[in-house]
Amino acid sequence: MKPRFSTASALIVATLLLAGCAAAATGAPSAPAAAQPAATDTPVPAAPNLADLPPVGKIWFGSAFDADTFAISHRLTTVTAHEAFSFVAHLKKAIDGSKLAIRVSWNGQLVATTAANATGTGDVWGFSPGPLFEAGTWRYDLTDIGGNVLATGTIKATP
């Protein structure tokens, strides 16, 4: 029998995702929701090594990323539901962080959309949203405020 994702669980997960995704990463996993860091970002260096970045329009997941180069460490496609992770997104166009949103879906169901609460302008962004808390397939979309998807990626969480 498959576990059911209850409305209460959805609200808890959405709240935690909103709190965790609101903080742009500094290369280390984000703090627990009770002690959220201020959102910041680091502009992309003039000549990043493109081999270390996801293709345009994609999101790569990993255990961490370098805040100077945005190179992802230990790329992941699967995490345990309680494992912290980071992601780097390579957007289709440069955008001001105040106009960037994060949309999160679980097993095809939208569970959260939030402002990225990031500063600066760029086409490469890194975040450490923290654990997912529920097993399943999680999709992250970075969008502009009009809802246009600028980068997308999927990660699987196991129990």
N, C-alpha and C. Protein backbone atom coordinates (compact mmCIF):
# COMPACT_ATOMS: atom_id res chain seq x y z
N MET A 1 0.84 -1.16 0.00
CA MET A 1 0.00 0.00 0.00
C MET A 1 0.89 1.24 0.00
N LYS A 2 0.59 2.19 -0.87
CA LYS A 2 1.36 3.41 -0.94
C LYS A 2 0.97 4.33 0.21
N PRO A 3 1.97 5.02 0.82
CA PRO A 3 1.61 5.98 1.85
C PRO A 3 0.88 7.16 1.21
N ARG A 4 -0.08 7.71 1.91
CA ARG A 4 -0.83 8.85 1.41
C ARG A 4 -0.19 10.13 1.91
N PHE A 5 -0.20 11.12 1.07
CA PHE A 5 0.33 12.43 1.42
C PHE A 5 -0.85 13.26 1.87
N SER A 6 -1.02 13.43 3.15
CA SER A 6 -2.19 14.11 3.70
C SER A 6 -2.10 15.62 3.50
N THR A 7 -3.23 16.28 3.64
CA THR A 7 -3.28 17.73 3.54
C THR A 7 -2.39 18.36 4.59
N ALA A 8 -2.41 17.81 5.80
CA ALA A 8 -1.56 18.35 6.86
C ALA A 8 -0.09 18.19 6.49
N SER A 9 0.28 17.03 5.93
CA SER A 9 1.66 16.83 5.50
C SER A 9 2.02 17.81 4.40
N ALA A 10 1.10 18.03 3.47
CA ALA A 10 1.35 18.97 2.37
C ALA A 10 1.60 20.36 2.92
N LEU A 11 0.83 20.78 3.90
CA LEU A 11 1.02 22.11 4.49
C LEU A 11 2.36 22.20 5.22
N ILE A 12 2.72 21.16 5.94
CA ILE A 12 4.00 21.16 6.65
C ILE A 12 5.14 21.23 5.65
N VAL A 13 5.09 20.38 4.62
CA VAL A 13 6.14 20.36 3.61
C VAL A 13 6.20 21.70 2.89
N ALA A 14 5.05 22.25 2.51
CA ALA A 14 5.03 23.53 1.81
C ALA A 14 5.62 24.63 2.68
N THR A 15 5.28 24.64 3.96
CA THR A 15 5.83 25.64 4.87
C THR A 15 7.34 25.51 4.98
N LEU A 16 7.83 24.29 5.13
CA LEU A 16 9.27 24.08 5.25
C LEU A 16 9.99 24.43 3.95
N LEU A 17 9.37 24.09 2.81
CA LEU A 17 9.99 24.42 1.53
C LEU A 17 10.04 25.92 1.33
N LEU A 18 8.96 26.60 1.67
CA LEU A 18 8.94 28.04 1.52
C LEU A 18 10.01 28.68 2.39
N ALA A 19 10.14 28.19 3.61
CA ALA A 19 11.15 28.75 4.52
C ALA A 19 12.56 28.43 4.02
N GLY A 20 12.79 27.20 3.59
CA GLY A 20 14.12 26.80 3.14
C GLY A 20 14.50 27.40 1.80
N CYS A 21 13.57 27.45 0.85
CA CYS A 21 13.88 27.97 -0.47
C CYS A 21 14.02 29.48 -0.47
N ALA A 22 13.48 30.13 0.52
CA ALA A 22 13.57 31.58 0.56
C ALA A 22 14.99 32.04 0.79
N ALA A 23 15.86 31.16 1.23
CA ALA A 23 17.24 31.55 1.51
C ALA A 23 18.16 31.06 0.40
N ALA A 24 18.74 31.98 -0.33
CA ALA A 24 19.72 31.59 -1.34
C ALA A 24 20.95 31.08 -0.62
N ALA A 25 21.55 30.06 -1.17
CA ALA A 25 22.64 29.39 -0.46
C ALA A 25 23.94 30.15 -0.54
N THR A 26 24.79 29.88 0.42
CA THR A 26 26.14 30.42 0.43
C THR A 26 27.14 29.30 0.21
N GLY A 27 26.69 28.14 -0.20
CA GLY A 27 27.57 27.01 -0.43
C GLY A 27 27.46 25.96 0.64
N ALA A 28 26.85 26.28 1.76
CA ALA A 28 26.64 25.32 2.85
C ALA A 28 25.15 25.07 2.96
N PRO A 29 24.73 23.91 3.49
CA PRO A 29 23.31 23.66 3.64
C PRO A 29 22.66 24.75 4.48
N SER A 30 21.39 25.04 4.16
CA SER A 30 20.70 26.09 4.89
C SER A 30 20.45 25.67 6.33
N ALA A 31 20.26 26.65 7.18
CA ALA A 31 19.98 26.40 8.59
C ALA A 31 18.57 25.86 8.73
N PRO A 32 18.24 25.21 9.85
CA PRO A 32 16.88 24.76 10.06
C PRO A 32 15.91 25.92 9.95
N ALA A 33 14.65 25.62 9.67
CA ALA A 33 13.64 26.65 9.43
C ALA A 33 13.57 27.65 10.57
N ALA A 34 13.87 27.26 11.79
CA ALA A 34 13.78 28.16 12.93
C ALA A 34 14.86 29.23 12.89
N ALA A 35 15.96 29.01 12.18
CA ALA A 35 17.05 29.96 12.14
C ALA A 35 17.44 30.24 10.70
N GLN A 36 16.54 30.90 9.95
CA GLN A 36 16.76 31.12 8.55
C GLN A 36 17.77 32.23 8.31
N PRO A 37 18.74 31.98 7.42
CA PRO A 37 19.68 33.04 7.08
C PRO A 37 19.02 34.04 6.13
N ALA A 38 19.59 35.22 6.04
CA ALA A 38 19.10 36.22 5.10
C ALA A 38 19.43 35.76 3.68
N ALA A 39 18.58 36.08 2.72
CA ALA A 39 18.79 35.67 1.34
C ALA A 39 19.85 36.54 0.71
N THR A 40 20.82 35.92 0.06
CA THR A 40 21.86 36.61 -0.68
C THR A 40 22.23 35.76 -1.87
N ASP A 41 22.96 36.32 -2.79
CA ASP A 41 23.48 35.53 -3.88
C ASP A 41 24.82 36.10 -4.28
N THR A 42 25.54 35.35 -5.07
CA THR A 42 26.83 35.78 -5.54
C THR A 42 26.77 35.81 -7.06
N PRO A 43 27.05 36.96 -7.68
CA PRO A 43 27.00 37.01 -9.14
C PRO A 43 27.98 36.02 -9.75
N VAL A 44 27.67 35.56 -10.93
CA VAL A 44 28.52 34.61 -11.65
C VAL A 44 29.82 35.31 -12.03
N PRO A 45 30.95 34.65 -11.83
CA PRO A 45 32.22 35.24 -12.25
C PRO A 45 32.22 35.52 -13.75
N ALA A 46 33.10 36.38 -14.20
CA ALA A 46 33.13 36.79 -15.60
C ALA A 46 33.31 35.60 -16.54
N ALA A 47 34.10 34.61 -16.14
CA ALA A 47 34.36 33.47 -17.02
C ALA A 47 34.20 32.16 -16.25
N PRO A 48 32.93 31.76 -15.93
CA PRO A 48 32.76 30.51 -15.21
C PRO A 48 33.11 29.33 -16.10
N ASN A 49 33.48 28.23 -15.47
CA ASN A 49 33.75 27.00 -16.20
C ASN A 49 32.39 26.38 -16.52
N LEU A 50 31.94 26.50 -17.75
CA LEU A 50 30.62 26.03 -18.14
C LEU A 50 30.45 24.53 -17.98
N ALA A 51 31.57 23.79 -17.92
CA ALA A 51 31.48 22.34 -17.72
C ALA A 51 30.94 22.03 -16.33
N ASP A 52 31.09 22.96 -15.39
CA ASP A 52 30.62 22.75 -14.03
C ASP A 52 29.21 23.29 -13.79
N LEU A 53 28.57 23.83 -14.81
CA LEU A 53 27.23 24.39 -14.69
C LEU A 53 26.23 23.53 -15.45
N PRO A 54 24.99 23.52 -15.00
CA PRO A 54 23.97 22.79 -15.78
C PRO A 54 23.75 23.49 -17.12
N PRO A 55 23.22 22.77 -18.09
CA PRO A 55 22.88 23.40 -19.36
C PRO A 55 21.82 24.50 -19.12
N VAL A 56 21.74 25.45 -20.03
CA VAL A 56 20.74 26.50 -19.93
C VAL A 56 19.35 25.87 -19.83
N GLY A 57 18.56 26.36 -18.87
CA GLY A 57 17.20 25.86 -18.67
C GLY A 57 17.10 24.68 -17.72
N LYS A 58 18.23 24.25 -17.17
CA LYS A 58 18.23 23.06 -16.30
C LYS A 58 18.68 23.39 -14.89
N ILE A 59 18.32 22.50 -13.96
CA ILE A 59 18.75 22.56 -12.57
C ILE A 59 19.49 21.28 -12.26
N TRP A 60 20.67 21.41 -11.63
CA TRP A 60 21.42 20.27 -11.13
C TRP A 60 21.35 20.28 -9.62
N PHE A 61 21.27 19.10 -9.02
CA PHE A 61 21.22 18.93 -7.58
C PHE A 61 22.53 18.32 -7.11
N GLY A 62 22.91 18.61 -5.87
CA GLY A 62 24.12 18.05 -5.31
C GLY A 62 24.17 18.26 -3.81
N SER A 63 25.25 17.81 -3.21
CA SER A 63 25.38 17.93 -1.76
C SER A 63 25.67 19.37 -1.34
N ALA A 64 26.27 20.16 -2.22
CA ALA A 64 26.60 21.56 -1.96
C ALA A 64 27.00 22.19 -3.29
N PHE A 65 27.28 23.48 -3.26
CA PHE A 65 27.84 24.14 -4.44
C PHE A 65 28.80 25.23 -3.99
N ASP A 66 29.70 25.60 -4.88
CA ASP A 66 30.67 26.64 -4.61
C ASP A 66 30.00 28.00 -4.86
N ALA A 67 29.95 28.85 -3.86
CA ALA A 67 29.27 30.14 -3.97
C ALA A 67 29.97 31.10 -4.92
N ASP A 68 31.25 30.85 -5.24
CA ASP A 68 31.97 31.71 -6.17
C ASP A 68 31.80 31.28 -7.62
N THR A 69 31.82 29.98 -7.87
CA THR A 69 31.76 29.47 -9.25
C THR A 69 30.44 28.79 -9.58
N PHE A 70 29.65 28.48 -8.57
CA PHE A 70 28.39 27.75 -8.68
C PHE A 70 28.57 26.30 -9.13
N ALA A 71 29.80 25.80 -9.08
CA ALA A 71 30.04 24.39 -9.40
C ALA A 71 29.35 23.53 -8.33
N ILE A 72 28.59 22.55 -8.77
CA ILE A 72 27.84 21.68 -7.85
C ILE A 72 28.77 20.56 -7.38
N SER A 73 28.69 20.23 -6.11
CA SER A 73 29.50 19.15 -5.54
C SER A 73 28.67 17.88 -5.44
N HIS A 74 29.27 16.77 -5.79
CA HIS A 74 28.63 15.46 -5.65
C HIS A 74 27.21 15.49 -6.21
N ARG A 75 27.11 15.59 -7.53
CA ARG A 75 25.78 15.64 -8.17
C ARG A 75 24.90 14.50 -7.71
N LEU A 76 23.63 14.83 -7.50
CA LEU A 76 22.65 13.87 -7.00
C LEU A 76 21.43 13.82 -7.91
N THR A 77 20.86 12.63 -8.03
CA THR A 77 19.54 12.49 -8.66
C THR A 77 18.55 11.95 -7.64
N THR A 78 19.09 11.42 -6.53
CA THR A 78 18.27 10.85 -5.45
C THR A 78 18.87 11.25 -4.11
N VAL A 79 18.00 11.56 -3.16
CA VAL A 79 18.40 11.83 -1.78
C VAL A 79 17.44 11.07 -0.87
N THR A 80 17.84 10.88 0.38
CA THR A 80 16.86 10.37 1.33
C THR A 80 15.97 11.54 1.73
N ALA A 81 14.76 11.26 2.17
CA ALA A 81 13.79 12.31 2.45
C ALA A 81 14.27 13.31 3.50
N HIS A 82 15.21 12.92 4.35
CA HIS A 82 15.68 13.82 5.41
C HIS A 82 17.09 14.34 5.18
N GLU A 83 17.61 14.17 3.96
CA GLU A 83 18.96 14.58 3.62
C GLU A 83 18.96 15.99 3.03
N ALA A 84 19.83 16.85 3.53
CA ALA A 84 19.97 18.19 2.98
C ALA A 84 20.63 18.12 1.60
N PHE A 85 20.32 19.07 0.75
CA PHE A 85 20.91 19.12 -0.58
C PHE A 85 20.90 20.57 -1.07
N SER A 86 21.55 20.80 -2.17
CA SER A 86 21.59 22.11 -2.81
C SER A 86 21.24 21.95 -4.27
N PHE A 87 20.97 23.08 -4.92
CA PHE A 87 20.81 23.03 -6.37
C PHE A 87 21.32 24.30 -7.01
N VAL A 88 21.74 24.15 -8.27
CA VAL A 88 22.19 25.26 -9.09
C VAL A 88 21.33 25.27 -10.34
N ALA A 89 20.82 26.44 -10.68
CA ALA A 89 19.98 26.61 -11.85
C ALA A 89 20.67 27.54 -12.85
N HIS A 90 20.65 27.16 -14.11
CA HIS A 90 21.18 27.99 -15.19
C HIS A 90 19.98 28.47 -16.00
N LEU A 91 19.60 29.72 -15.78
CA LEU A 91 18.38 30.27 -16.37
C LEU A 91 18.54 30.58 -17.85
N LYS A 92 17.40 30.66 -18.52
CA LYS A 92 17.37 30.97 -19.95
C LYS A 92 17.74 32.43 -20.21
N LYS A 93 17.64 33.27 -19.17
CA LYS A 93 18.01 34.68 -19.30
C LYS A 93 18.40 35.20 -17.92
N ALA A 94 19.20 36.25 -17.90
CA ALA A 94 19.55 36.88 -16.62
C ALA A 94 18.29 37.55 -16.06
N ILE A 95 18.17 37.51 -14.74
CA ILE A 95 17.00 38.09 -14.10
C ILE A 95 17.40 38.67 -12.75
N ASP A 96 16.72 39.71 -12.36
CA ASP A 96 16.91 40.30 -11.04
C ASP A 96 16.31 39.35 -10.01
N GLY A 97 17.03 39.11 -8.92
CA GLY A 97 16.58 38.17 -7.90
C GLY A 97 15.23 38.51 -7.31
N SER A 98 14.86 39.79 -7.31
CA SER A 98 13.55 40.18 -6.77
C SER A 98 12.41 39.77 -7.69
N LYS A 99 12.73 39.35 -8.90
CA LYS A 99 11.70 38.93 -9.87
C LYS A 99 11.76 37.43 -10.13
N LEU A 100 12.46 36.71 -9.26
CA LEU A 100 12.64 35.26 -9.41
C LEU A 100 11.77 34.52 -8.40
N ALA A 101 11.08 33.48 -8.86
CA ALA A 101 10.23 32.67 -7.98
C ALA A 101 10.65 31.21 -8.07
N ILE A 102 10.37 30.46 -7.00
CA ILE A 102 10.65 29.03 -6.96
C ILE A 102 9.31 28.31 -6.82
N ARG A 103 9.07 27.40 -7.75
CA ARG A 103 7.84 26.59 -7.73
C ARG A 103 8.24 25.14 -7.48
N VAL A 104 7.60 24.50 -6.50
CA VAL A 104 7.96 23.15 -6.11
C VAL A 104 6.74 22.24 -6.25
N SER A 105 6.94 21.09 -6.90
CA SER A 105 5.88 20.10 -7.06
C SER A 105 6.35 18.77 -6.49
N TRP A 106 5.41 18.02 -5.95
CA TRP A 106 5.68 16.69 -5.39
C TRP A 106 4.78 15.70 -6.10
N ASN A 107 5.38 14.71 -6.76
CA ASN A 107 4.64 13.69 -7.52
C ASN A 107 3.60 14.33 -8.44
N GLY A 108 3.99 15.42 -9.10
CA GLY A 108 3.12 16.08 -10.07
C GLY A 108 2.13 17.06 -9.47
N GLN A 109 2.11 17.22 -8.17
CA GLN A 109 1.17 18.12 -7.50
C GLN A 109 1.92 19.34 -6.98
N LEU A 110 1.47 20.53 -7.37
CA LEU A 110 2.09 21.76 -6.90
C LEU A 110 1.92 21.87 -5.39
N VAL A 111 3.03 22.08 -4.66
CA VAL A 111 2.95 22.22 -3.20
C VAL A 111 3.41 23.58 -2.72
N ALA A 112 4.16 24.33 -3.52
CA ALA A 112 4.62 25.64 -3.07
C ALA A 112 5.10 26.48 -4.24
N THR A 113 4.80 27.77 -4.15
CA THR A 113 5.39 28.77 -5.03
C THR A 113 5.76 29.93 -4.12
N THR A 114 7.00 30.38 -4.23
CA THR A 114 7.45 31.45 -3.36
C THR A 114 8.45 32.34 -4.09
N ALA A 115 8.53 33.58 -3.64
CA ALA A 115 9.58 34.45 -4.15
C ALA A 115 10.93 33.88 -3.71
N ALA A 116 11.93 34.01 -4.56
CA ALA A 116 13.26 33.49 -4.22
C ALA A 116 13.92 34.33 -3.12
N ASN A 117 13.47 35.55 -2.94
CA ASN A 117 14.03 36.45 -1.91
C ASN A 117 15.54 36.56 -2.04
N ALA A 118 16.00 36.71 -3.26
CA ALA A 118 17.43 36.82 -3.53
C ALA A 118 17.74 38.21 -4.06
N THR A 119 19.00 38.60 -3.99
CA THR A 119 19.42 39.90 -4.49
C THR A 119 20.43 39.73 -5.60
N GLY A 120 20.57 40.76 -6.39
CA GLY A 120 21.51 40.73 -7.50
C GLY A 120 20.81 40.35 -8.79
N THR A 121 21.58 40.24 -9.84
CA THR A 121 21.07 39.87 -11.16
C THR A 121 22.01 38.83 -11.75
N GLY A 122 21.45 37.82 -12.38
CA GLY A 122 22.28 36.81 -13.02
C GLY A 122 21.47 35.75 -13.71
N ASP A 123 22.16 34.88 -14.44
CA ASP A 123 21.50 33.76 -15.10
C ASP A 123 21.85 32.43 -14.44
N VAL A 124 22.69 32.48 -13.40
CA VAL A 124 23.02 31.28 -12.63
C VAL A 124 22.75 31.58 -11.16
N TRP A 125 21.98 30.69 -10.53
CA TRP A 125 21.58 30.88 -9.13
C TRP A 125 21.77 29.58 -8.37
N GLY A 126 22.10 29.69 -7.11
CA GLY A 126 22.28 28.51 -6.27
C GLY A 126 21.47 28.64 -4.99
N PHE A 127 20.88 27.54 -4.56
CA PHE A 127 20.05 27.51 -3.36
C PHE A 127 20.31 26.22 -2.58
N SER A 128 20.08 26.25 -1.31
CA SER A 128 20.13 25.06 -0.45
C SER A 128 18.82 25.00 0.32
N PRO A 129 17.80 24.36 -0.25
CA PRO A 129 16.49 24.38 0.37
C PRO A 129 16.33 23.49 1.59
N GLY A 130 17.22 22.54 1.80
CA GLY A 130 17.09 21.65 2.94
C GLY A 130 16.36 20.37 2.59
N PRO A 131 16.10 19.53 3.58
CA PRO A 131 15.48 18.23 3.32
C PRO A 131 14.05 18.36 2.78
N LEU A 132 13.60 17.31 2.11
CA LEU A 132 12.26 17.29 1.51
C LEU A 132 11.20 16.72 2.45
N PHE A 133 11.58 15.83 3.37
CA PHE A 133 10.73 15.24 4.39
C PHE A 133 9.69 14.23 3.89
N GLU A 134 9.48 14.12 2.61
CA GLU A 134 8.54 13.14 2.06
C GLU A 134 9.20 12.45 0.87
N ALA A 135 9.07 11.13 0.81
CA ALA A 135 9.58 10.39 -0.34
C ALA A 135 8.73 10.70 -1.56
N GLY A 136 9.34 10.66 -2.72
CA GLY A 136 8.62 10.89 -3.97
C GLY A 136 9.49 11.64 -4.95
N THR A 137 8.89 12.08 -6.03
CA THR A 137 9.59 12.83 -7.06
C THR A 137 9.27 14.31 -6.88
N TRP A 138 10.33 15.09 -6.72
CA TRP A 138 10.21 16.53 -6.48
C TRP A 138 10.72 17.28 -7.70
N ARG A 139 9.93 18.23 -8.16
CA ARG A 139 10.32 19.07 -9.30
C ARG A 139 10.47 20.50 -8.82
N TYR A 140 11.58 21.10 -9.18
CA TYR A 140 11.84 22.51 -8.88
C TYR A 140 11.85 23.29 -10.19
N ASP A 141 11.08 24.37 -10.24
CA ASP A 141 11.07 25.29 -11.38
C ASP A 141 11.48 26.66 -10.86
N LEU A 142 12.41 27.30 -11.52
CA LEU A 142 12.67 28.71 -11.26
C LEU A 142 11.96 29.47 -12.36
N THR A 143 11.12 30.42 -11.94
CA THR A 143 10.29 31.15 -12.88
C THR A 143 10.47 32.66 -12.69
N ASP A 144 10.04 33.41 -13.70
CA ASP A 144 9.94 34.84 -13.50
C ASP A 144 8.60 35.10 -12.82
N ILE A 145 8.31 36.34 -12.47
CA ILE A 145 7.07 36.62 -11.74
C ILE A 145 5.83 36.38 -12.59
N GLY A 146 6.00 36.26 -13.91
CA GLY A 146 4.88 35.93 -14.78
C GLY A 146 4.61 34.44 -14.87
N GLY A 147 5.44 33.62 -14.20
CA GLY A 147 5.26 32.17 -14.22
C GLY A 147 5.98 31.46 -15.34
N ASN A 148 6.75 32.18 -16.14
CA ASN A 148 7.50 31.55 -17.23
C ASN A 148 8.68 30.77 -16.65
N VAL A 149 8.76 29.49 -16.98
CA VAL A 149 9.83 28.63 -16.45
C VAL A 149 11.15 28.99 -17.11
N LEU A 150 12.14 29.31 -16.27
CA LEU A 150 13.48 29.68 -16.74
C LEU A 150 14.47 28.54 -16.56
N ALA A 151 14.20 27.64 -15.62
CA ALA A 151 15.03 26.45 -15.40
C ALA A 151 14.21 25.44 -14.62
N THR A 152 14.45 24.17 -14.86
CA THR A 152 13.70 23.12 -14.18
C THR A 152 14.59 21.92 -13.91
N GLY A 153 14.25 21.20 -12.86
CA GLY A 153 14.99 19.98 -12.51
C GLY A 153 14.17 19.12 -11.57
N THR A 154 14.48 17.84 -11.56
CA THR A 154 13.75 16.87 -10.75
C THR A 154 14.73 16.07 -9.91
N ILE A 155 14.34 15.82 -8.67
CA ILE A 155 15.12 14.98 -7.77
C ILE A 155 14.17 14.01 -7.07
N LYS A 156 14.64 12.81 -6.85
CA LYS A 156 13.83 11.79 -6.20
C LYS A 156 14.26 11.68 -4.74
N ALA A 157 13.28 11.63 -3.84
CA ALA A 157 13.55 11.42 -2.41
C ALA A 157 13.05 10.04 -2.03
N THR A 158 13.91 9.28 -1.35
CA THR A 158 13.54 7.94 -0.89
C THR A 158 13.32 7.99 0.62
N PRO A 159 12.57 7.02 1.16
CA PRO A 159 12.31 7.03 2.61
C PRO A 159 13.59 6.92 3.43
